[in-house]
Amino acid sequence: MHEMSLCESVLEILEQQSRQQHYSKVSRVWLEIGALSSVEPDAMRFCFDAVMQGSLAENARLEIVTVRGQAWCLQCNKNVLIEQRYDTCPACGGFQLQVNDGEQMRIKELEVE
């Protein structure tokens, strides 16, 4: 379950930023997770609660913002929405899609004290 290591990385970032930005508690975290990122939101929520125990983000609420997958179709020259990798182009049915959004996971926003 790689979501556990992702949550550990999020905690490291929160701790680093707390030293730089001078906050002592995180009450809410917004994570932007791409639909093509291979991150399971339910597993992320479970791991987040476990990893944040005893930290500055203990009892913090996790808000997940899903970013839809997008790709550029090399056949019809359109930017299209896709649900998963290796989908066909919804506009022309082509297979030559170059993913350009929806693979990321990043901290979008924090609510701190």
Protein backbone atom coordinates (compact mmCIF):
# COMPACT_ATOMS: atom_id res chain seq x y z
CA MET A 1 0.00 0.00 0.00
CA HIS A 2 1.96 3.00 -1.26
CA GLU A 3 -0.61 5.40 0.22
CA MET A 4 1.08 4.89 3.61
CA SER A 5 4.42 6.17 2.31
CA LEU A 6 2.63 9.03 0.52
CA CYS A 7 1.03 10.08 3.82
CA GLU A 8 4.40 9.88 5.54
CA SER A 9 5.79 12.23 2.88
CA VAL A 10 2.85 14.60 3.41
CA LEU A 11 3.63 14.64 7.14
CA GLU A 12 7.28 15.44 6.44
CA ILE A 13 6.21 18.39 4.29
CA LEU A 14 3.80 19.60 6.99
CA GLU A 15 6.53 19.44 9.63
CA GLN A 16 9.04 21.21 7.41
CA GLN A 17 6.56 23.95 6.56
CA SER A 18 5.54 24.36 10.21
CA ARG A 19 9.14 25.25 11.04
CA GLN A 20 9.38 27.72 8.14
CA GLN A 21 5.90 29.24 8.47
CA HIS A 22 5.69 29.09 12.29
CA TYR A 23 2.48 27.18 12.85
CA SER A 24 1.97 24.49 15.45
CA LYS A 25 -1.19 22.68 14.39
CA VAL A 26 -2.78 21.60 11.12
CA SER A 27 -6.55 21.24 11.26
CA ARG A 28 -7.31 20.58 7.59
CA VAL A 29 -5.37 19.40 4.55
CA TRP A 30 -6.58 19.61 0.97
CA LEU A 31 -4.84 17.12 -1.30
CA GLU A 32 -5.20 17.36 -5.03
CA ILE A 33 -5.11 13.85 -6.45
CA GLY A 34 -5.20 13.10 -10.15
CA ALA A 35 -7.54 10.42 -11.43
CA LEU A 36 -4.58 8.84 -13.25
CA SER A 37 -2.19 8.96 -10.27
CA SER A 38 -2.83 5.39 -9.05
CA VAL A 39 -3.68 6.77 -5.60
CA GLU A 40 -6.77 5.22 -4.02
CA PRO A 41 -8.68 7.98 -2.13
CA ASP A 42 -10.20 5.63 0.49
CA ALA A 43 -6.80 4.09 1.25
CA MET A 44 -5.33 7.58 1.44
CA ARG A 45 -7.94 8.64 4.02
CA PHE A 46 -7.29 5.53 6.13
CA CYS A 47 -3.51 5.95 6.02
CA PHE A 48 -3.72 9.70 6.63
CA ASP A 49 -5.53 9.20 9.95
CA ALA A 50 -3.02 6.53 11.03
CA VAL A 51 0.12 8.45 10.04
CA MET A 52 -0.99 11.77 11.54
CA GLN A 53 -1.53 10.29 15.03
CA GLY A 54 0.71 12.04 17.58
CA SER A 55 1.80 14.73 15.11
CA LEU A 56 0.96 18.37 14.51
CA ALA A 57 -1.79 17.12 12.17
CA GLU A 58 -3.45 14.73 14.62
CA ASN A 59 -7.23 14.86 14.08
CA ALA A 60 -6.74 16.98 10.94
CA ARG A 61 -9.45 16.60 8.35
CA LEU A 62 -8.37 15.38 4.93
CA GLU A 63 -10.16 16.88 1.94
CA ILE A 64 -9.46 15.23 -1.40
CA VAL A 65 -9.84 17.26 -4.57
CA THR A 66 -9.94 14.98 -7.62
CA VAL A 67 -8.36 16.20 -10.84
CA ARG A 68 -9.77 14.55 -13.95
CA GLY A 69 -7.45 12.94 -16.45
CA GLN A 70 -6.73 14.86 -19.62
CA ALA A 71 -4.76 14.01 -22.72
CA TRP A 72 -3.80 15.54 -26.03
CA CYS A 73 -4.92 13.46 -28.99
CA LEU A 74 -2.23 13.40 -31.65
CA GLN A 75 -4.73 12.29 -34.28
CA CYS A 76 -7.46 14.93 -33.96
CA ASN A 77 -5.37 17.60 -32.18
CA LYS A 78 -7.80 18.04 -29.28
CA ASN A 79 -7.37 18.11 -25.53
CA VAL A 80 -9.81 15.51 -24.18
CA LEU A 81 -10.92 14.13 -20.81
CA ILE A 82 -10.06 10.49 -20.12
CA GLU A 83 -11.06 8.18 -17.29
CA GLN A 84 -8.01 5.92 -17.32
CA ARG A 85 -4.76 5.33 -19.14
CA TYR A 86 -5.04 3.70 -22.54
CA ASP A 87 -8.57 4.99 -23.12
CA THR A 88 -9.38 5.86 -26.68
CA CYS A 89 -9.95 9.45 -27.68
CA PRO A 90 -13.61 10.29 -27.00
CA ALA A 91 -13.59 12.67 -29.98
CA CYS A 92 -12.11 10.48 -32.74
CA GLY A 93 -11.53 7.01 -31.26
CA GLY A 94 -7.77 7.28 -31.73
CA PHE A 95 -5.21 5.62 -29.49
CA GLN A 96 -2.42 8.20 -29.68
CA LEU A 97 -3.10 10.11 -26.49
CA GLN A 98 -0.47 12.02 -24.58
CA VAL A 99 -1.50 12.49 -20.92
CA ASN A 100 -1.13 16.11 -19.79
CA ASP A 101 -3.13 16.28 -16.54
CA GLY A 102 -4.45 14.02 -13.82
CA GLU A 103 -1.25 12.24 -12.77
CA GLN A 104 -0.33 14.52 -9.85
CA MET A 105 -0.73 14.43 -6.12
CA ARG A 106 0.02 17.63 -4.25
CA ILE A 107 -0.91 19.57 -1.16
CA LYS A 108 -3.27 22.21 -2.46
CA GLU A 109 -4.13 24.04 0.76
CA LEU A 110 -3.72 23.89 4.54
CA GLU A 111 -5.75 25.22 7.44
CA VAL A 112 -3.33 25.86 10.30
CA GLU A 113 -3.20 27.40 13.75
